C-alpha atoms as a PDB file:
ATOM      1  CA  MET A   1     -31.175  -1.606 -15.904  1.00  0.00           C
ATOM      2  CA  GLU A   2     -33.028  -4.607 -15.472  1.00  0.00           C
ATOM      3  CA  LYS A   3     -34.162  -4.666 -19.087  1.00  0.00           C
ATOM      4  CA  SER A   4     -30.227  -4.183 -20.127  1.00  0.00           C
ATOM      5  CA  PHE A   5     -29.478  -7.324 -21.682  1.00  0.00           C
ATOM      6  CA  SER A   6     -27.129  -7.761 -25.379  1.00  0.00           C
ATOM      7  CA  GLU A   7     -27.333 -11.549 -26.115  1.00  0.00           C
ATOM      8  CA  SER A   8     -24.912 -10.643 -29.072  1.00  0.00           C
ATOM      9  CA  TYR A   9     -22.635  -9.145 -26.450  1.00  0.00           C
ATOM     10  CA  LYS A  10     -22.637 -11.933 -24.003  1.00  0.00           C
ATOM     11  CA  LYS A  11     -21.699 -14.140 -27.189  1.00  0.00           C
ATOM     12  CA  ALA A  12     -18.704 -11.843 -27.568  1.00  0.00           C
ATOM     13  CA  GLY A  13     -17.957 -12.746 -23.765  1.00  0.00           C
ATOM     14  CA  VAL A  14     -19.048  -9.728 -21.973  1.00  0.00           C
ATOM     15  CA  ASP A  15     -22.268 -10.801 -19.641  1.00  0.00           C
ATOM     16  CA  ILE A  16     -23.120  -6.908 -18.153  1.00  0.00           C
ATOM     17  CA  THR A  17     -26.047  -8.445 -16.385  1.00  0.00           C
ATOM     18  CA  ALA A  18     -22.863  -9.874 -14.185  1.00  0.00           C
ATOM     19  CA  GLY A  19     -21.478  -6.489 -13.683  1.00  0.00           C
ATOM     20  CA  TYR A  20     -24.830  -5.622 -12.308  1.00  0.00           C
ATOM     21  CA  LYS A  21     -24.776  -8.747  -9.837  1.00  0.00           C
ATOM     22  CA  ALA A  22     -21.295  -7.276  -8.757  1.00  0.00           C
ATOM     23  CA  VAL A  23     -22.009  -4.152  -8.016  1.00  0.00           C
ATOM     24  CA  GLU A  24     -25.183  -5.706  -5.667  1.00  0.00           C
ATOM     25  CA  LEU A  25     -22.942  -7.915  -3.953  1.00  0.00           C
ATOM     26  CA  MET A  26     -20.177  -5.352  -3.220  1.00  0.00           C
ATOM     27  CA  LYS A  27     -22.556  -2.591  -1.736  1.00  0.00           C
ATOM     28  CA  THR A  28     -22.452  -3.885   2.054  1.00  0.00           C
ATOM     29  CA  HIS A  29     -18.652  -3.801   1.714  1.00  0.00           C
ATOM     30  CA  ILE A  30     -18.774  -0.152   0.244  1.00  0.00           C
ATOM     31  CA  ALA A  31     -21.393   1.077   2.809  1.00  0.00           C
ATOM     32  CA  ARG A  32     -18.336   0.239   5.606  1.00  0.00           C
ATOM     33  CA  THR A  33     -16.564   3.173   4.410  1.00  0.00           C
ATOM     34  CA  MET A  34     -19.365   5.635   4.435  1.00  0.00           C
ATOM     35  CA  LEU A  35     -19.937   5.779   7.970  1.00  0.00           C
ATOM     36  CA  ASN A  36     -18.203   9.305   8.467  1.00  0.00           C
ATOM     37  CA  THR A  37     -18.702  10.883   5.219  1.00  0.00           C
ATOM     38  CA  LYS A  38     -21.102  12.584   2.959  1.00  0.00           C
ATOM     39  CA  ALA A  39     -20.708  10.664  -0.358  1.00  0.00           C
ATOM     40  CA  SER A  40     -22.282   9.606  -3.568  1.00  0.00           C
ATOM     41  CA  ASP A  41     -23.983   6.308  -3.906  1.00  0.00           C
ATOM     42  CA  ILE A  42     -22.240   3.833  -6.365  1.00  0.00           C
ATOM     43  CA  GLY A  43     -23.464   3.448  -9.951  1.00  0.00           C
ATOM     44  CA  GLY A  44     -23.242   6.943 -11.108  1.00  0.00           C
ATOM     45  CA  PHE A  45     -21.173   8.657 -13.676  1.00  0.00           C
ATOM     46  CA  GLY A  46     -18.727  10.234 -11.276  1.00  0.00           C
ATOM     47  CA  GLY A  47     -18.016   9.802  -7.255  1.00  0.00           C
ATOM     48  CA  LEU A  48     -18.985  12.860  -5.162  1.00  0.00           C
ATOM     49  CA  PHE A  49     -17.776  13.774  -2.443  1.00  0.00           C
ATOM     50  CA  GLU A  50     -19.012  16.564   0.029  1.00  0.00           C
ATOM     51  CA  LEU A  51     -15.443  18.145   1.145  1.00  0.00           C
ATOM     52  CA  ASP A  52     -15.318  19.277   4.769  1.00  0.00           C
ATOM     53  CA  LEU A  53     -12.772  22.378   5.030  1.00  0.00           C
ATOM     54  CA  THR A  54     -13.383  23.056   8.583  1.00  0.00           C
ATOM     55  CA  GLY A  55     -10.206  24.514  10.460  1.00  0.00           C
ATOM     56  CA  TYR A  56      -8.323  24.325   7.360  1.00  0.00           C
ATOM     57  CA  LYS A  57      -6.398  27.715   6.249  1.00  0.00           C
ATOM     58  CA  ASN A  58      -5.471  27.278   3.173  1.00  0.00           C
ATOM     59  CA  PRO A  59      -6.256  23.205   2.091  1.00  0.00           C
ATOM     60  CA  ILE A  60      -4.057  21.489  -0.356  1.00  0.00           C
ATOM     61  CA  LEU A  61      -5.294  18.409  -2.592  1.00  0.00           C
ATOM     62  CA  VAL A  62      -2.923  15.291  -2.384  1.00  0.00           C
ATOM     63  CA  SER A  63      -3.206  12.437  -4.776  1.00  0.00           C
ATOM     64  CA  GLY A  64      -1.616   9.410  -5.611  1.00  0.00           C
ATOM     65  CA  THR A  65      -1.968   6.537  -7.856  1.00  0.00           C
ATOM     66  CA  ASP A  66      -0.673   2.588  -7.941  1.00  0.00           C
ATOM     67  CA  GLY A  67      -1.299  -1.059  -8.448  1.00  0.00           C
ATOM     68  CA  VAL A  68      -1.107  -4.724  -6.413  1.00  0.00           C
ATOM     69  CA  GLY A  69       1.250  -5.287  -9.585  1.00  0.00           C
ATOM     70  CA  THR A  70       2.549  -9.208 -10.078  1.00  0.00           C
ATOM     71  CA  LYS A  71       1.673 -10.359  -6.691  1.00  0.00           C
ATOM     72  CA  LEU A  72      -2.036 -10.408  -7.995  1.00  0.00           C
ATOM     73  CA  LYS A  73      -0.159 -13.985  -9.426  1.00  0.00           C
ATOM     74  CA  MET A  74      -0.126 -15.043  -5.683  1.00  0.00           C
ATOM     75  CA  ALA A  75      -4.031 -14.547  -5.371  1.00  0.00           C
ATOM     76  CA  PHE A  76      -4.189 -16.368  -8.342  1.00  0.00           C
ATOM     77  CA  LEU A  77      -2.478 -19.311  -7.419  1.00  0.00           C
ATOM     78  CA  MET A  78      -4.041 -19.399  -4.054  1.00  0.00           C
ATOM     79  CA  ASP A  79      -7.390 -18.886  -5.449  1.00  0.00           C
ATOM     80  CA  LYS A  80      -7.785 -15.819  -2.277  1.00  0.00           C
ATOM     81  CA  HIS A  81      -9.158 -12.623  -3.745  1.00  0.00           C
ATOM     82  CA  ASP A  82     -10.066 -10.834  -0.520  1.00  0.00           C
ATOM     83  CA  THR A  83      -6.940  -9.276   0.761  1.00  0.00           C
ATOM     84  CA  VAL A  84      -5.194  -7.821  -2.455  1.00  0.00           C
ATOM     85  CA  GLY A  85      -7.633  -4.877  -2.104  1.00  0.00           C
ATOM     86  CA  ILE A  86      -6.141  -3.775   0.744  1.00  0.00           C
ATOM     87  CA  ASP A  87      -2.558  -3.859  -1.198  1.00  0.00           C
ATOM     88  CA  CYS A  88      -4.333  -1.778  -3.651  1.00  0.00           C
ATOM     89  CA  VAL A  89      -5.168   0.853  -0.951  1.00  0.00           C
ATOM     90  CA  ALA A  90      -2.126   0.799   0.872  1.00  0.00           C
ATOM     91  CA  MET A  91      -0.034   1.567  -2.188  1.00  0.00           C
ATOM     92  CA  CYS A  92      -1.846   4.481  -2.430  1.00  0.00           C
ATOM     93  CA  VAL A  93      -2.655   6.028   0.646  1.00  0.00           C
ATOM     94  CA  ASN A  94       0.648   5.319   2.076  1.00  0.00           C
ATOM     95  CA  ASP A  95       2.311   7.322  -0.481  1.00  0.00           C
ATOM     96  CA  VAL A  96      -0.254  10.455   0.318  1.00  0.00           C
ATOM     97  CA  ILE A  97       0.582  10.197   4.029  1.00  0.00           C
ATOM     98  CA  CYS A  98       4.030  11.076   3.075  1.00  0.00           C
ATOM     99  CA  CYS A  99       3.279  14.504   2.360  1.00  0.00           C
ATOM    100  CA  GLY A 100       1.264  14.803   5.582  1.00  0.00           C
ATOM    101  CA  ALA A 101      -1.953  14.612   4.150  1.00  0.00           C
ATOM    102  CA  LYS A 102      -5.158  12.601   5.104  1.00  0.00           C
ATOM    103  CA  PRO A 103      -6.588  10.816   2.632  1.00  0.00           C
ATOM    104  CA  LEU A 104     -10.252  11.215   1.971  1.00  0.00           C
ATOM    105  CA  PHE A 105     -11.633   9.101  -0.790  1.00  0.00           C
ATOM    106  CA  PHE A 106     -10.565   6.341  -2.813  1.00  0.00           C
ATOM    107  CA  LEU A 107     -11.656   4.381  -6.162  1.00  0.00           C
ATOM    108  CA  ASP A 108     -10.478   1.413  -8.174  1.00  0.00           C
ATOM    109  CA  TYR A 109     -10.030  -0.299 -11.309  1.00  0.00           C
ATOM    110  CA  ILE A 110     -10.566  -4.158 -12.294  1.00  0.00           C
ATOM    111  CA  ALA A 111      -9.767  -5.409 -15.297  1.00  0.00           C
ATOM    112  CA  CYS A 112     -10.705  -9.077 -15.896  1.00  0.00           C
ATOM    113  CA  GLY A 113     -11.225 -11.544 -18.671  1.00  0.00           C
ATOM    114  CA  LYS A 114     -14.617 -12.719 -17.121  1.00  0.00           C
ATOM    115  CA  ASN A 115     -16.522 -11.031 -14.491  1.00  0.00           C
ATOM    116  CA  VAL A 116     -17.382 -13.425 -11.819  1.00  0.00           C
ATOM    117  CA  PRO A 117     -19.579 -11.750  -9.802  1.00  0.00           C
ATOM    118  CA  GLU A 118     -18.439 -13.557  -6.182  1.00  0.00           C
ATOM    119  CA  LYS A 119     -14.566 -12.659  -7.232  1.00  0.00           C
ATOM    120  CA  ILE A 120     -15.026  -8.941  -8.053  1.00  0.00           C
ATOM    121  CA  ALA A 121     -16.983  -8.752  -4.739  1.00  0.00           C
ATOM    122  CA  ASP A 122     -14.167 -10.300  -2.978  1.00  0.00           C
ATOM    123  CA  ILE A 123     -11.796  -8.090  -4.405  1.00  0.00           C
ATOM    124  CA  VAL A 124     -13.609  -4.787  -3.381  1.00  0.00           C
ATOM    125  CA  LYS A 125     -14.005  -6.328   0.008  1.00  0.00           C
ATOM    126  CA  GLY A 126     -10.258  -5.806   0.165  1.00  0.00           C
ATOM    127  CA  VAL A 127     -10.459  -2.710  -1.240  1.00  0.00           C
ATOM    128  CA  ALA A 128     -13.186  -1.333   1.122  1.00  0.00           C
ATOM    129  CA  GLU A 129     -10.931  -2.866   4.559  1.00  0.00           C
ATOM    130  CA  GLY A 130      -8.215  -1.016   3.126  1.00  0.00           C
ATOM    131  CA  CYS A 131     -10.303   2.317   3.085  1.00  0.00           C
ATOM    132  CA  VAL A 132     -11.751   1.449   6.420  1.00  0.00           C
ATOM    133  CA  GLN A 133      -8.301   1.083   7.822  1.00  0.00           C
ATOM    134  CA  SER A 134      -6.823   4.443   6.160  1.00  0.00           C
ATOM    135  CA  GLY A 135     -10.312   6.338   7.158  1.00  0.00           C
ATOM    136  CA  SER A 136     -10.892   6.778   2.812  1.00  0.00           C
ATOM    137  CA  ALA A 137     -14.922   6.686   1.172  1.00  0.00           C
ATOM    138  CA  LEU A 138     -14.830   4.540  -1.590  1.00  0.00           C
ATOM    139  CA  ILE A 139     -16.813   6.524  -3.739  1.00  0.00           C
ATOM    140  CA  GLY A 140     -17.045   4.853  -6.990  1.00  0.00           C
ATOM    141  CA  GLY A 141     -14.887   2.511  -9.476  1.00  0.00           C
ATOM    142  CA  GLU A 142     -14.791   0.531 -12.580  1.00  0.00           C
ATOM    143  CA  THR A 143     -14.806  -3.109 -13.573  1.00  0.00           C
ATOM    144  CA  ALA A 144     -14.153  -3.713 -16.972  1.00  0.00           C
ATOM    145  CA  GLU A 145     -14.637  -6.990 -18.318  1.00  0.00           C
ATOM    146  CA  MET A 146     -11.895  -7.819 -21.365  1.00  0.00           C
ATOM    147  CA  PRO A 147     -12.442 -10.751 -22.647  1.00  0.00           C
ATOM    148  CA  GLY A 148      -9.468 -11.785 -25.290  1.00  0.00           C
ATOM    149  CA  PHE A 149      -7.343  -9.312 -23.192  1.00  0.00           C
ATOM    150  CA  TYR A 150      -7.353 -11.089 -20.155  1.00  0.00           C
ATOM    151  CA  PRO A 151      -7.026 -15.094 -19.317  1.00  0.00           C
ATOM    152  CA  ILE A 152     -10.840 -15.728 -18.123  1.00  0.00           C
ATOM    153  CA  ASP A 153      -9.282 -16.404 -14.833  1.00  0.00           C
ATOM    154  CA  GLU A 154      -7.202 -13.294 -14.268  1.00  0.00           C
ATOM    155  CA  TYR A 155      -7.658  -9.634 -13.923  1.00  0.00           C
ATOM    156  CA  ASP A 156      -5.714  -6.511 -12.818  1.00  0.00           C
ATOM    157  CA  LEU A 157      -6.317  -4.010 -10.104  1.00  0.00           C
ATOM    158  CA  ALA A 158      -5.191  -0.490  -9.497  1.00  0.00           C
ATOM    159  CA  GLY A 159      -6.649   2.661  -7.615  1.00  0.00           C
ATOM    160  CA  PHE A 160      -6.361   6.261  -6.872  1.00  0.00           C
ATOM    161  CA  SER A 161      -6.426   7.766  -3.689  1.00  0.00           C
ATOM    162  CA  VAL A 162      -7.092  11.693  -2.642  1.00  0.00           C
ATOM    163  CA  GLY A 163      -6.229  13.247   0.558  1.00  0.00           C
ATOM    164  CA  ILE A 164      -5.984  16.883   2.142  1.00  0.00           C
ATOM    165  CA  VAL A 165      -3.398  19.038   3.990  1.00  0.00           C
ATOM    166  CA  ASP A 166      -3.135  22.390   5.224  1.00  0.00           C
ATOM    167  CA  LYS A 167      -0.596  23.890   3.102  1.00  0.00           C
ATOM    168  CA  ALA A 168       1.571  24.859   6.545  1.00  0.00           C
ATOM    169  CA  ASN A 169       1.546  21.355   7.447  1.00  0.00           C
ATOM    170  CA  VAL A 170       2.685  19.872   4.294  1.00  0.00           C
ATOM    171  CA  ILE A 171       5.765  17.745   4.784  1.00  0.00           C
ATOM    172  CA  ASP A 172       9.019  20.083   4.271  1.00  0.00           C
ATOM    173  CA  LYS A 173      12.337  18.099   4.227  1.00  0.00           C
ATOM    174  CA  ASN A 174      14.208  21.123   3.781  1.00  0.00           C
ATOM    175  CA  SER A 175      13.847  21.820   7.366  1.00  0.00           C
ATOM    176  CA  MET A 176      16.229  18.202   7.913  1.00  0.00           C
ATOM    177  CA  LYS A 177      19.597  18.706   9.711  1.00  0.00           C
ATOM    178  CA  GLU A 178      22.572  16.579  10.464  1.00  0.00           C
ATOM    179  CA  GLY A 179      21.644  14.878  13.736  1.00  0.00           C
ATOM    180  CA  ASP A 180      18.322  14.533  13.353  1.00  0.00           C
ATOM    181  CA  VAL A 181      16.810  10.763  13.820  1.00  0.00           C
ATOM    182  CA  MET A 182      15.439   8.193  11.315  1.00  0.00           C
ATOM    183  CA  ILE A 183      12.638   6.162  12.830  1.00  0.00           C
ATOM    184  CA  ALA A 184      11.421   2.869  11.165  1.00  0.00           C
ATOM    185  CA  LEU A 185       7.726   1.489  11.000  1.00  0.00           C
ATOM    186  CA  PRO A 186       8.011  -2.546  10.544  1.00  0.00           C
ATOM    187  CA  SER A 187       6.286  -3.693   7.265  1.00  0.00           C
ATOM    188  CA  SER A 188       4.116  -6.888   7.498  1.00  0.00           C
ATOM    189  CA  GLY A 189       6.127  -8.861   4.836  1.00  0.00           C
ATOM    190  CA  VAL A 190       7.048  -7.949   1.158  1.00  0.00           C
ATOM    191  CA  HIS A 191       4.204  -5.682   0.821  1.00  0.00           C
ATOM    192  CA  SER A 192       3.520  -5.093  -2.835  1.00  0.00           C
ATOM    193  CA  ASN A 193       6.661  -4.696  -4.828  1.00  0.00           C
ATOM    194  CA  GLY A 194       9.701  -6.703  -5.931  1.00  0.00           C
ATOM    195  CA  PHE A 195       7.100  -9.992  -6.853  1.00  0.00           C
ATOM    196  CA  SER A 196       8.664 -10.547 -10.338  1.00  0.00           C
ATOM    197  CA  LEU A 197      11.923 -11.458  -8.489  1.00  0.00           C
ATOM    198  CA  VAL A 198      10.434 -13.482  -5.598  1.00  0.00           C
ATOM    199  CA  ARG A 199       8.231 -15.348  -7.998  1.00  0.00           C
ATOM    200  CA  LYS A 200      11.532 -15.986 -10.010  1.00  0.00           C
ATOM    201  CA  VAL A 201      13.561 -17.299  -7.049  1.00  0.00           C
ATOM    202  CA  PHE A 202      10.743 -19.460  -5.947  1.00  0.00           C
ATOM    203  CA  ASP A 203       9.464 -20.699  -8.980  1.00  0.00           C
ATOM    204  CA  VAL A 204       5.905 -20.372  -7.520  1.00  0.00           C
ATOM    205  CA  GLU A 205       4.042 -21.506 -10.343  1.00  0.00           C
ATOM    206  CA  ASN A 206       5.846 -24.932  -9.989  1.00  0.00           C
ATOM    207  CA  ILE A 207       5.868 -25.843  -6.512  1.00  0.00           C
ATOM    208  CA  ASP A 208       3.364 -26.123  -3.922  1.00  0.00           C
ATOM    209  CA  ILE A 209       3.026 -22.744  -2.513  1.00  0.00           C
ATOM    210  CA  LYS A 210       0.262 -23.798   0.026  1.00  0.00           C
ATOM    211  CA  ALA A 211       2.904 -26.204   2.291  1.00  0.00           C
ATOM    212  CA  PRO A 212       4.048 -25.405   5.312  1.00  0.00           C
ATOM    213  CA  VAL A 213       7.774 -23.498   5.161  1.00  0.00           C
ATOM    214  CA  GLU A 214       9.722 -24.228   8.614  1.00  0.00           C
ATOM    215  CA  GLU A 215      11.995 -21.062   7.950  1.00  0.00           C
ATOM    216  CA  LEU A 216       8.999 -19.070   7.863  1.00  0.00           C
ATOM    217  CA  GLY A 217       7.393 -20.071  11.252  1.00  0.00           C
ATOM    218  CA  GLY A 218       5.420 -22.789   9.753  1.00  0.00           C
ATOM    219  CA  LYS A 219       3.222 -20.781   7.545  1.00  0.00           C
ATOM    220  CA  SER A 220       3.287 -21.483   3.595  1.00  0.00           C
ATOM    221  CA  LEU A 221       4.948 -19.668   1.155  1.00  0.00           C
ATOM    222  CA  GLY A 222       1.603 -18.810  -0.441  1.00  0.00           C
ATOM    223  CA  GLU A 223       0.231 -17.256   2.768  1.00  0.00           C
ATOM    224  CA  THR A 224       3.371 -15.422   4.014  1.00  0.00           C
ATOM    225  CA  LEU A 225       3.652 -13.732   0.156  1.00  0.00           C
ATOM    226  CA  LEU A 226       0.074 -12.726   0.107  1.00  0.00           C
ATOM    227  CA  THR A 227      -0.094 -10.309   3.388  1.00  0.00           C
ATOM    228  CA  PRO A 228      -1.636  -7.429   2.969  1.00  0.00           C
ATOM    229  CA  THR A 229       0.492  -4.280   2.601  1.00  0.00           C
ATOM    230  CA  LYS A 230       0.640  -2.564   5.884  1.00  0.00           C
ATOM    231  CA  ILE A 231      -1.489   0.745   6.115  1.00  0.00           C
ATOM    232  CA  TYR A 232       0.306   3.343   7.853  1.00  0.00           C
ATOM    233  CA  VAL A 233      -2.245   6.500   7.655  1.00  0.00           C
ATOM    234  CA  LYS A 234      -3.796   6.720  11.355  1.00  0.00           C
ATOM    235  CA  PRO A 235      -0.570   6.249  13.513  1.00  0.00           C
ATOM    236  CA  MET A 236       1.080   8.499  11.324  1.00  0.00           C
ATOM    237  CA  LEU A 237      -1.690  11.023  11.409  1.00  0.00           C
ATOM    238  CA  ALA A 238      -1.594  10.834  15.361  1.00  0.00           C
ATOM    239  CA  LEU A 239       2.225  11.174  14.910  1.00  0.00           C
ATOM    240  CA  PHE A 240       1.670  14.533  13.132  1.00  0.00           C
ATOM    241  CA  GLU A 241      -0.735  16.253  15.829  1.00  0.00           C
ATOM    242  CA  GLN A 242       2.056  15.806  18.458  1.00  0.00           C
ATOM    243  CA  VAL A 243       5.468  16.114  16.602  1.00  0.00           C
ATOM    244  CA  LYS A 244       7.215  17.989  13.540  1.00  0.00           C
ATOM    245  CA  VAL A 245       7.715  15.339  11.158  1.00  0.00           C
ATOM    246  CA  LYS A 246      10.490  16.295   8.720  1.00  0.00           C
ATOM    247  CA  GLY A 247      10.485  13.666   6.253  1.00  0.00           C
ATOM    248  CA  VAL A 248       8.626  10.547   5.646  1.00  0.00           C
ATOM    249  CA  SER A 249       9.259   7.618   2.892  1.00  0.00           C
ATOM    250  CA  HIS A 250       7.089   4.918   1.984  1.00  0.00           C
ATOM    251  CA  ILE A 251       9.311   1.907   1.341  1.00  0.00           C
ATOM    252  CA  THR A 252       8.337   0.195  -2.113  1.00  0.00           C
ATOM    253  CA  GLY A 253      10.032  -0.623  -5.061  1.00  0.00           C
ATOM    254  CA  GLY A 254      13.662   0.489  -4.884  1.00  0.00           C
ATOM    255  CA  GLY A 255      14.088  -0.340  -1.291  1.00  0.00           C
ATOM    256  CA  PHE A 256      16.443   1.706   1.150  1.00  0.00           C
ATOM    257  CA  TYR A 257      18.365   3.113  -1.855  1.00  0.00           C
ATOM    258  CA  GLU A 258      15.639   4.734  -3.988  1.00  0.00           C
ATOM    259  CA  ASN A 259      13.064   5.722  -1.367  1.00  0.00           C
ATOM    260  CA  MET A 260      15.035   7.130   1.917  1.00  0.00           C
ATOM    261  CA  PRO A 261      16.424   9.755  -0.384  1.00  0.00           C
ATOM    262  CA  ARG A 262      13.481  11.216  -1.593  1.00  0.00           C
ATOM    263  CA  SER A 263      12.603  12.347   1.678  1.00  0.00           C
ATOM    264  CA  ILE A 264      16.369  13.687   2.539  1.00  0.00           C
ATOM    265  CA  PRO A 265      17.484  17.037   1.125  1.00  0.00           C
ATOM    266  CA  LYS A 266      20.869  16.889  -1.194  1.00  0.00           C
ATOM    267  CA  GLY A 267      23.793  17.210   0.863  1.00  0.00           C
ATOM    268  CA  LEU A 268      22.349  14.763   3.567  1.00  0.00           C
ATOM    269  CA  GLY A 269      22.044  11.213   3.715  1.00  0.00           C
ATOM    270  CA  VAL A 270      21.222   8.857   6.613  1.00  0.00           C
ATOM    271  CA  LYS A 271      23.619   6.450   8.351  1.00  0.00           C
ATOM    272  CA  ILE A 272      22.140   3.030   9.042  1.00  0.00           C
ATOM    273  CA  LYS A 273      23.414   0.055  10.973  1.00  0.00           C
ATOM    274  CA  LYS A 274      22.386  -2.997   9.194  1.00  0.00           C
ATOM    275  CA  SER A 275      22.704  -4.895  12.418  1.00  0.00           C
ATOM    276  CA  ASP A 276      20.001  -2.590  13.858  1.00  0.00           C
ATOM    277  CA  VAL A 277      17.399  -3.411  10.763  1.00  0.00           C
ATOM    278  CA  LYS A 278      14.610  -6.182  12.061  1.00  0.00           C
ATOM    279  CA  ILE A 279      14.599  -8.151   8.840  1.00  0.00           C
ATOM    280  CA  LEU A 280      11.884 -10.477   8.585  1.00  0.00           C
ATOM    281  CA  PRO A 281      12.377 -14.348   7.881  1.00  0.00           C
ATOM    282  CA  ILE A 282      10.950 -14.057   4.405  1.00  0.00           C
ATOM    283  CA  PHE A 283      13.578 -11.581   3.444  1.00  0.00           C
ATOM    284  CA  LYS A 284      16.375 -13.811   4.555  1.00  0.00           C
ATOM    285  CA  LEU A 285      14.326 -16.688   2.605  1.00  0.00           C
ATOM    286  CA  ILE A 286      14.352 -15.044  -0.370  1.00  0.00           C
ATOM    287  CA  GLN A 287      18.168 -13.820  -0.033  1.00  0.00           C
ATOM    288  CA  LYS A 288      19.151 -17.477   0.511  1.00  0.00           C
ATOM    289  CA  ARG A 289      16.825 -19.454  -2.198  1.00  0.00           C
ATOM    290  CA  GLY A 290      17.966 -16.717  -4.550  1.00  0.00           C
ATOM    291  CA  ASN A 291      21.742 -16.348  -3.837  1.00  0.00           C
ATOM    292  CA  ILE A 292      20.892 -12.459  -3.767  1.00  0.00           C
ATOM    293  CA  ASP A 293      23.548 -10.004  -3.264  1.00  0.00           C
ATOM    294  CA  GLU A 294      22.751  -7.859  -0.099  1.00  0.00           C
ATOM    295  CA  ARG A 295      22.684  -4.453  -1.781  1.00  0.00           C
ATOM    296  CA  ASP A 296      20.402  -5.778  -4.105  1.00  0.00           C
ATOM    297  CA  MET A 297      17.978  -6.844  -1.552  1.00  0.00           C
ATOM    298  CA  PHE A 298      18.207  -3.696  -0.089  1.00  0.00           C
ATOM    299  CA  ASN A 299      17.768  -1.850  -3.458  1.00  0.00           C
ATOM    300  CA  THR A 300      14.861  -4.091  -4.465  1.00  0.00           C
ATOM    301  CA  PHE A 301      12.640  -4.721  -0.920  1.00  0.00           C
ATOM    302  CA  ASN A 302      11.871  -3.179   2.352  1.00  0.00           C
ATOM    303  CA  MET A 303      13.613  -5.633   4.336  1.00  0.00           C
ATOM    304  CA  GLY A 304      11.173  -5.268   7.163  1.00  0.00           C
ATOM    305  CA  VAL A 305      10.833  -1.430   7.194  1.00  0.00           C
ATOM    306  CA  GLY A 306       7.452  -0.455   5.610  1.00  0.00           C
ATOM    307  CA  MET A 307       7.672   3.336   6.373  1.00  0.00           C
ATOM    308  CA  SER A 308      10.695   5.755   7.695  1.00  0.00           C
ATOM    309  CA  VAL A 309      10.479   9.095   9.493  1.00  0.00           C
ATOM    310  CA  VAL A 310      12.794  11.762  10.415  1.00  0.00           C
ATOM    311  CA  VAL A 311      12.525  13.733  13.160  1.00  0.00           C
ATOM    312  CA  ALA A 312      14.675  15.972  15.372  1.00  0.00           C
ATOM    313  CA  LYS A 313      16.786  13.762  17.722  1.00  0.00           C
ATOM    314  CA  GLU A 314      15.248  15.506  20.691  1.00  0.00           C
ATOM    315  CA  ASP A 315      11.346  14.288  19.518  1.00  0.00           C
ATOM    316  CA  ALA A 316      12.884  10.861  19.073  1.00  0.00           C
ATOM    317  CA  ALA A 317      11.771   9.197  21.824  1.00  0.00           C
ATOM    318  CA  LYS A 318       8.099  11.193  22.372  1.00  0.00           C
ATOM    319  CA  ALA A 319       7.692   9.980  18.263  1.00  0.00           C
ATOM    320  CA  VAL A 320       8.502   6.477  19.002  1.00  0.00           C
ATOM    321  CA  GLU A 321       6.392   6.329  21.634  1.00  0.00           C
ATOM    322  CA  ILE A 322       3.416   7.651  20.129  1.00  0.00           C
ATOM    323  CA  LEU A 323       3.820   5.280  17.228  1.00  0.00           C
ATOM    324  CA  LYS A 324       3.970   2.155  19.730  1.00  0.00           C
ATOM    325  CA  ALA A 325       0.731   3.660  21.536  1.00  0.00           C
ATOM    326  CA  ASN A 326      -0.924   3.658  17.812  1.00  0.00           C
ATOM    327  CA  GLY A 327       0.111  -0.033  17.040  1.00  0.00           C
ATOM    328  CA  GLU A 328       3.038   0.411  15.326  1.00  0.00           C
ATOM    329  CA  ASP A 329       6.533  -1.284  17.047  1.00  0.00           C
ATOM    330  CA  ALA A 330       8.430   1.563  15.900  1.00  0.00           C
ATOM    331  CA  TYR A 331      12.158   1.934  16.442  1.00  0.00           C
ATOM    332  CA  ILE A 332      15.328   4.142  15.485  1.00  0.00           C
ATOM    333  CA  ILE A 333      17.258   2.936  12.780  1.00  0.00           C
ATOM    334  CA  GLY A 334      19.554   5.710  11.696  1.00  0.00           C
ATOM    335  CA  GLU A 335      21.106   8.932  11.877  1.00  0.00           C
ATOM    336  CA  ILE A 336      20.859  12.093   9.519  1.00  0.00           C
ATOM    337  CA  VAL A 337      24.437  12.989   8.547  1.00  0.00           C
ATOM    338  CA  LYS A 338      26.061  15.233   6.080  1.00  0.00           C
ATOM    339  CA  SER A 339      26.619  13.002   2.816  1.00  0.00           C
ATOM    340  CA  GLU A 340      25.955  12.674  -0.646  1.00  0.00           C
ATOM    341  CA  ASP A 341      25.873   9.116  -0.812  1.00  0.00           C
ATOM    342  CA  GLY A 342      21.729   9.074  -0.123  1.00  0.00           C
ATOM    343  CA  VAL A 343      21.812   5.883   2.176  1.00  0.00           C
ATOM    344  CA  ILE A 344      24.900   4.617   3.863  1.00  0.00           C
ATOM    345  CA  LEU A 345      24.331   1.220   5.200  1.00  0.00           C
ATOM    346  CA  CYS A 346      27.254   0.300   7.730  1.00  0.00           C
END
């Protein structure tokens, strides 16, 4: 590849040598994800992963794909690019874990107006950190330099995760019944959803997003909004080992009203007291500044709950204890009831 160079292509806006430099810069970050994994080195045409099926009777692969969305605009404004990769991984692996699956490996896709190797390496640094947090191997990816399609200082980021679960351990919401309990796992902030509304509410392109905000405890709006999406994989895997989990929801776009019913069978719903929801200050600020209806808030944002888990009432205390022992300040948020409404906020 040292002899691979095209002056004509460079004049058109694509410097393939920058791509080679970016790969070299990101290799140390990628190596962090390979500690307990047999996988191929990056640079080939496909990512190889050796699958260990020890202990699995009927293994099922579970996949998920997602991007970071317009939260990337905050990274551009803050000129901070080493955390959005965590968001990208989180949006995929948190979906995979909802099926009861353990994430195995991850691939990313970065499309940019101009390949600045140091910036691309920063992005991949975040992806690698997300992979470490979720126990995934970063086995490959793609960086596409697309001048004239993206502005030279902007990029898009998406990813793809594959996990594994034994068929007998796939989360089955049909085992749920009236009286079961829903547990909340707190979010770290807005995560990676609703940013089109957030950006409109605060007019982020036209204010100083680095200035301290009193309602946010003195943190800046930019810093608060760029807080990475929390990854719930390891505490959830610990929970699966000790408690029968009947339903899991990753609270993303659509908030409570769209996501929680996805893990609840027809004929049942969840009754939640609004006063029991530990709403983060950023959501109160968004609602106040944007004069947003309460239902719209709960139908757009996670409101401080990044993931919900349903277990039998008799298992609730143990489940909360396990989650807390694994770093999650989990708490009971609601009860499963007979209903066709999905989510009942009262």
